[in-house]
Amino acid sequence: MSATQLYPVISVPGTNFTEVLAGASAFGTAPFVGTAINKLYGVPPIQARRFLIRAIGYTCVVGAGLEFDFFADAAGTKFLSRFQFAAANGAQYNAAGLFNYYVDGLAIPYYDLDTINTVNPPTLHVGVQNVDTVAKPAGAAGAIVATFYLEPMMMVQG
């Protein structure tokens, strides 16, 4: 059995997910307040340029449940999938510091239509929505650093 290479794509603090995200009236109750679609760099231009998102991890200043929405284009017109975390999924040690969230075992398909037939490296188009009752403040006060672990999809020939 061969090992699979996972490629981490990491958001940039102070650049990605900096908007204020108001809390919903109850967990999972729409309408959710979301960020703009963020274009994250670091997706490798290898093989078929199609990937599976295998794991998601993030840290944030406030313990708020977040939803990550994945799109195949920067305009956000080609929705692919989403994954939600509840605030209770996070771990904060000694009641101080950052809240940490992580999940693996995922198989979320991803591709970047903006670059798939070009020589440009692909990017990860992702937005965040607050699905919790706790608001996420803007800027450094509400900093989110997310890491998405991508596995290249093998294309079957024949």
C-alpha atoms as a PDB file:
ATOM      1  CA  MET A   1       0.000   0.000   0.000  1.00  0.00           C
ATOM      2  CA  SER A   2       1.453   3.370  -0.965  1.00  0.00           C
ATOM      3  CA  ALA A   3       1.358   6.497   1.142  1.00  0.00           C
ATOM      4  CA  THR A   4      -0.634   9.423  -0.197  1.00  0.00           C
ATOM      5  CA  GLN A   5       0.861  12.900  -0.294  1.00  0.00           C
ATOM      6  CA  LEU A   6      -1.274  15.604   1.315  1.00  0.00           C
ATOM      7  CA  TYR A   7      -0.617  19.234   0.429  1.00  0.00           C
ATOM      8  CA  PRO A   8      -1.482  21.869   3.053  1.00  0.00           C
ATOM      9  CA  VAL A   9      -3.066  25.102   1.809  1.00  0.00           C
ATOM     10  CA  ILE A  10      -2.929  27.709   4.575  1.00  0.00           C
ATOM     11  CA  SER A  11      -4.851  30.972   4.843  1.00  0.00           C
ATOM     12  CA  VAL A  12      -2.973  34.188   5.565  1.00  0.00           C
ATOM     13  CA  PRO A  13      -3.846  35.947   8.844  1.00  0.00           C
ATOM     14  CA  GLY A  14      -4.718  39.591   8.311  1.00  0.00           C
ATOM     15  CA  THR A  15      -5.569  38.868   4.653  1.00  0.00           C
ATOM     16  CA  ASN A  16      -8.112  36.034   4.582  1.00  0.00           C
ATOM     17  CA  PHE A  17     -11.332  35.815   6.618  1.00  0.00           C
ATOM     18  CA  THR A  18     -10.930  39.249   8.250  1.00  0.00           C
ATOM     19  CA  GLU A  19     -14.579  40.343   8.102  1.00  0.00           C
ATOM     20  CA  VAL A  20     -16.925  40.644  11.065  1.00  0.00           C
ATOM     21  CA  LEU A  21     -19.211  37.619  11.179  1.00  0.00           C
ATOM     22  CA  ALA A  22     -22.352  38.258  13.183  1.00  0.00           C
ATOM     23  CA  GLY A  23     -23.788  35.338  15.090  1.00  0.00           C
ATOM     24  CA  ALA A  24     -27.018  33.651  14.075  1.00  0.00           C
ATOM     25  CA  SER A  25     -29.951  33.639  16.505  1.00  0.00           C
ATOM     26  CA  ALA A  26     -29.324  29.947  17.268  1.00  0.00           C
ATOM     27  CA  PHE A  27     -26.705  27.412  16.148  1.00  0.00           C
ATOM     28  CA  GLY A  28     -27.345  26.324  12.582  1.00  0.00           C
ATOM     29  CA  THR A  29     -30.180  28.808  12.126  1.00  0.00           C
ATOM     30  CA  ALA A  30     -29.974  30.813   8.912  1.00  0.00           C
ATOM     31  CA  PRO A  31     -29.328  33.453   7.775  1.00  0.00           C
ATOM     32  CA  PHE A  32     -25.603  33.008   8.240  1.00  0.00           C
ATOM     33  CA  VAL A  33     -23.198  35.916   7.747  1.00  0.00           C
ATOM     34  CA  GLY A  34     -20.298  35.049   5.455  1.00  0.00           C
ATOM     35  CA  THR A  35     -16.994  36.394   4.221  1.00  0.00           C
ATOM     36  CA  ALA A  36     -16.091  37.194   0.670  1.00  0.00           C
ATOM     37  CA  ILE A  37     -14.755  34.307  -1.421  1.00  0.00           C
ATOM     38  CA  ASN A  38     -11.062  34.037  -0.523  1.00  0.00           C
ATOM     39  CA  LYS A  39      -8.478  32.863  -3.041  1.00  0.00           C
ATOM     40  CA  LEU A  40      -5.880  30.787  -1.177  1.00  0.00           C
ATOM     41  CA  TYR A  41      -2.540  30.069  -2.819  1.00  0.00           C
ATOM     42  CA  GLY A  42      -0.499  26.897  -2.406  1.00  0.00           C
ATOM     43  CA  VAL A  43      -2.545  24.365  -4.374  1.00  0.00           C
ATOM     44  CA  PRO A  44       0.025  22.366  -6.382  1.00  0.00           C
ATOM     45  CA  PRO A  45      -0.342  22.317 -10.202  1.00  0.00           C
ATOM     46  CA  ILE A  46       0.140  18.543 -10.411  1.00  0.00           C
ATOM     47  CA  GLN A  47      -1.487  15.550 -12.085  1.00  0.00           C
ATOM     48  CA  ALA A  48      -5.102  16.165 -13.147  1.00  0.00           C
ATOM     49  CA  ARG A  49      -5.345  19.366 -11.050  1.00  0.00           C
ATOM     50  CA  ARG A  50      -8.323  17.868  -9.239  1.00  0.00           C
ATOM     51  CA  PHE A  51      -8.169  17.205  -5.519  1.00  0.00           C
ATOM     52  CA  LEU A  52      -9.936  15.760  -2.516  1.00  0.00           C
ATOM     53  CA  ILE A  53      -9.984  17.913   0.598  1.00  0.00           C
ATOM     54  CA  ARG A  54      -9.065  15.288   3.193  1.00  0.00           C
ATOM     55  CA  ALA A  55      -8.829  17.401   6.362  1.00  0.00           C
ATOM     56  CA  ILE A  56      -9.625  20.892   7.653  1.00  0.00           C
ATOM     57  CA  GLY A  57      -8.098  22.549  10.672  1.00  0.00           C
ATOM     58  CA  TYR A  58      -8.371  26.080  11.964  1.00  0.00           C
ATOM     59  CA  THR A  59      -7.538  28.249  14.915  1.00  0.00           C
ATOM     60  CA  CYS A  60      -9.462  31.331  15.936  1.00  0.00           C
ATOM     61  CA  VAL A  61      -9.522  33.855  18.725  1.00  0.00           C
ATOM     62  CA  VAL A  62     -13.191  33.265  19.565  1.00  0.00           C
ATOM     63  CA  GLY A  63     -14.862  29.863  19.798  1.00  0.00           C
ATOM     64  CA  ALA A  64     -17.442  30.195  17.062  1.00  0.00           C
ATOM     65  CA  GLY A  65     -18.881  27.491  14.832  1.00  0.00           C
ATOM     66  CA  LEU A  66     -17.841  28.122  11.252  1.00  0.00           C
ATOM     67  CA  GLU A  67     -18.868  26.737   7.876  1.00  0.00           C
ATOM     68  CA  PHE A  68     -16.318  26.526   5.071  1.00  0.00           C
ATOM     69  CA  ASP A  69     -17.881  26.867   1.611  1.00  0.00           C
ATOM     70  CA  PHE A  70     -15.870  25.683  -1.412  1.00  0.00           C
ATOM     71  CA  PHE A  71     -16.302  27.095  -4.917  1.00  0.00           C
ATOM     72  CA  ALA A  72     -14.752  26.155  -8.276  1.00  0.00           C
ATOM     73  CA  ASP A  73     -14.354  29.805  -9.279  1.00  0.00           C
ATOM     74  CA  ALA A  74     -13.330  33.106  -7.702  1.00  0.00           C
ATOM     75  CA  ALA A  75     -16.729  34.677  -8.453  1.00  0.00           C
ATOM     76  CA  GLY A  76     -18.483  32.133  -6.241  1.00  0.00           C
ATOM     77  CA  THR A  77     -20.909  31.029  -8.963  1.00  0.00           C
ATOM     78  CA  LYS A  78     -19.831  27.362  -8.998  1.00  0.00           C
ATOM     79  CA  PHE A  79     -20.586  25.981  -5.524  1.00  0.00           C
ATOM     80  CA  LEU A  80     -18.912  22.637  -4.794  1.00  0.00           C
ATOM     81  CA  SER A  81     -19.399  21.737  -1.151  1.00  0.00           C
ATOM     82  CA  ARG A  82     -19.278  22.856   2.477  1.00  0.00           C
ATOM     83  CA  PHE A  83     -18.295  21.628   5.905  1.00  0.00           C
ATOM     84  CA  GLN A  84     -19.612  22.921   9.255  1.00  0.00           C
ATOM     85  CA  PHE A  85     -18.011  22.969  12.692  1.00  0.00           C
ATOM     86  CA  ALA A  86     -19.983  23.595  15.872  1.00  0.00           C
ATOM     87  CA  ALA A  87     -18.338  25.799  18.510  1.00  0.00           C
ATOM     88  CA  ALA A  88     -18.308  22.742  20.787  1.00  0.00           C
ATOM     89  CA  ASN A  89     -15.972  20.974  18.303  1.00  0.00           C
ATOM     90  CA  GLY A  90     -13.122  23.283  19.332  1.00  0.00           C
ATOM     91  CA  ALA A  91     -10.514  22.813  22.009  1.00  0.00           C
ATOM     92  CA  GLN A  92      -9.105  25.645  24.113  1.00  0.00           C
ATOM     93  CA  TYR A  93      -6.455  24.724  26.649  1.00  0.00           C
ATOM     94  CA  ASN A  94      -6.405  26.108  30.204  1.00  0.00           C
ATOM     95  CA  ALA A  95      -9.331  28.428  29.347  1.00  0.00           C
ATOM     96  CA  ALA A  96      -6.933  30.754  27.540  1.00  0.00           C
ATOM     97  CA  GLY A  97      -5.498  31.239  24.082  1.00  0.00           C
ATOM     98  CA  LEU A  98      -6.765  30.181  20.703  1.00  0.00           C
ATOM     99  CA  PHE A  99      -9.603  27.787  19.961  1.00  0.00           C
ATOM    100  CA  ASN A 100      -8.448  24.845  17.825  1.00  0.00           C
ATOM    101  CA  TYR A 101     -10.624  22.856  15.418  1.00  0.00           C
ATOM    102  CA  TYR A 102      -9.732  19.862  13.238  1.00  0.00           C
ATOM    103  CA  VAL A 103     -11.420  17.111  11.257  1.00  0.00           C
ATOM    104  CA  ASP A 104     -10.005  14.509   8.897  1.00  0.00           C
ATOM    105  CA  GLY A 105     -11.362  11.543   6.964  1.00  0.00           C
ATOM    106  CA  LEU A 106     -13.053  13.879   4.490  1.00  0.00           C
ATOM    107  CA  ALA A 107     -13.414  13.364   0.723  1.00  0.00           C
ATOM    108  CA  ILE A 108     -14.600  16.749  -0.567  1.00  0.00           C
ATOM    109  CA  PRO A 109     -13.893  17.038  -4.319  1.00  0.00           C
ATOM    110  CA  TYR A 110     -12.222  20.268  -5.432  1.00  0.00           C
ATOM    111  CA  TYR A 111     -11.008  21.843  -8.689  1.00  0.00           C
ATOM    112  CA  ASP A 112     -10.329  25.411  -9.828  1.00  0.00           C
ATOM    113  CA  LEU A 113     -12.196  26.196 -13.051  1.00  0.00           C
ATOM    114  CA  ASP A 114     -10.379  29.538 -13.317  1.00  0.00           C
ATOM    115  CA  THR A 115      -7.039  27.801 -13.943  1.00  0.00           C
ATOM    116  CA  ILE A 116      -7.777  24.189 -14.923  1.00  0.00           C
ATOM    117  CA  ASN A 117      -6.913  24.682 -18.627  1.00  0.00           C
ATOM    118  CA  THR A 118      -4.102  27.186 -18.109  1.00  0.00           C
ATOM    119  CA  VAL A 119      -0.481  27.189 -16.971  1.00  0.00           C
ATOM    120  CA  ASN A 120      -1.450  29.238 -13.893  1.00  0.00           C
ATOM    121  CA  PRO A 121      -1.264  27.403 -10.562  1.00  0.00           C
ATOM    122  CA  PRO A 122      -4.664  26.532  -9.090  1.00  0.00           C
ATOM    123  CA  THR A 123      -6.002  28.293  -6.020  1.00  0.00           C
ATOM    124  CA  LEU A 124      -8.521  27.260  -3.372  1.00  0.00           C
ATOM    125  CA  HIS A 125     -11.714  29.350  -3.454  1.00  0.00           C
ATOM    126  CA  VAL A 126     -13.293  29.301  -0.014  1.00  0.00           C
ATOM    127  CA  GLY A 127     -15.660  31.438   2.007  1.00  0.00           C
ATOM    128  CA  VAL A 128     -16.519  31.213   5.689  1.00  0.00           C
ATOM    129  CA  GLN A 129     -19.924  31.580   7.315  1.00  0.00           C
ATOM    130  CA  ASN A 130     -20.659  31.893  11.011  1.00  0.00           C
ATOM    131  CA  VAL A 131     -23.191  29.204  11.940  1.00  0.00           C
ATOM    132  CA  ASP A 132     -23.028  29.858  15.674  1.00  0.00           C
ATOM    133  CA  THR A 133     -24.573  32.321  18.139  1.00  0.00           C
ATOM    134  CA  VAL A 134     -21.186  33.905  18.931  1.00  0.00           C
ATOM    135  CA  ALA A 135     -20.066  36.749  16.669  1.00  0.00           C
ATOM    136  CA  LYS A 136     -16.572  36.724  15.196  1.00  0.00           C
ATOM    137  CA  PRO A 137     -14.925  40.153  15.405  1.00  0.00           C
ATOM    138  CA  ALA A 138     -13.037  41.713  12.505  1.00  0.00           C
ATOM    139  CA  GLY A 139      -9.300  41.821  11.899  1.00  0.00           C
ATOM    140  CA  ALA A 140      -6.765  40.592  14.447  1.00  0.00           C
ATOM    141  CA  ALA A 141      -9.426  40.434  17.181  1.00  0.00           C
ATOM    142  CA  GLY A 142     -11.203  37.679  15.246  1.00  0.00           C
ATOM    143  CA  ALA A 143      -8.272  36.127  13.411  1.00  0.00           C
ATOM    144  CA  ILE A 144      -8.865  32.777  11.714  1.00  0.00           C
ATOM    145  CA  VAL A 145      -6.019  30.702  10.320  1.00  0.00           C
ATOM    146  CA  ALA A 146      -7.316  27.722   8.355  1.00  0.00           C
ATOM    147  CA  THR A 147      -5.397  24.837   6.837  1.00  0.00           C
ATOM    148  CA  PHE A 148      -6.907  22.613   4.164  1.00  0.00           C
ATOM    149  CA  TYR A 149      -5.146  19.319   3.374  1.00  0.00           C
ATOM    150  CA  LEU A 150      -5.512  18.367  -0.302  1.00  0.00           C
ATOM    151  CA  GLU A 151      -4.851  15.001  -1.927  1.00  0.00           C
ATOM    152  CA  PRO A 152      -4.430  14.851  -5.713  1.00  0.00           C
ATOM    153  CA  MET A 153      -7.172  12.822  -7.425  1.00  0.00           C
ATOM    154  CA  MET A 154      -5.935  10.015  -9.613  1.00  0.00           C
ATOM    155  CA  MET A 155      -7.613   9.998 -12.980  1.00  0.00           C
ATOM    156  CA  VAL A 156      -8.464   6.598 -14.438  1.00  0.00           C
ATOM    157  CA  GLN A 157      -7.410   6.139 -18.064  1.00  0.00           C
ATOM    158  CA  GLY A 158      -9.280   3.876 -20.422  1.00  0.00           C
END
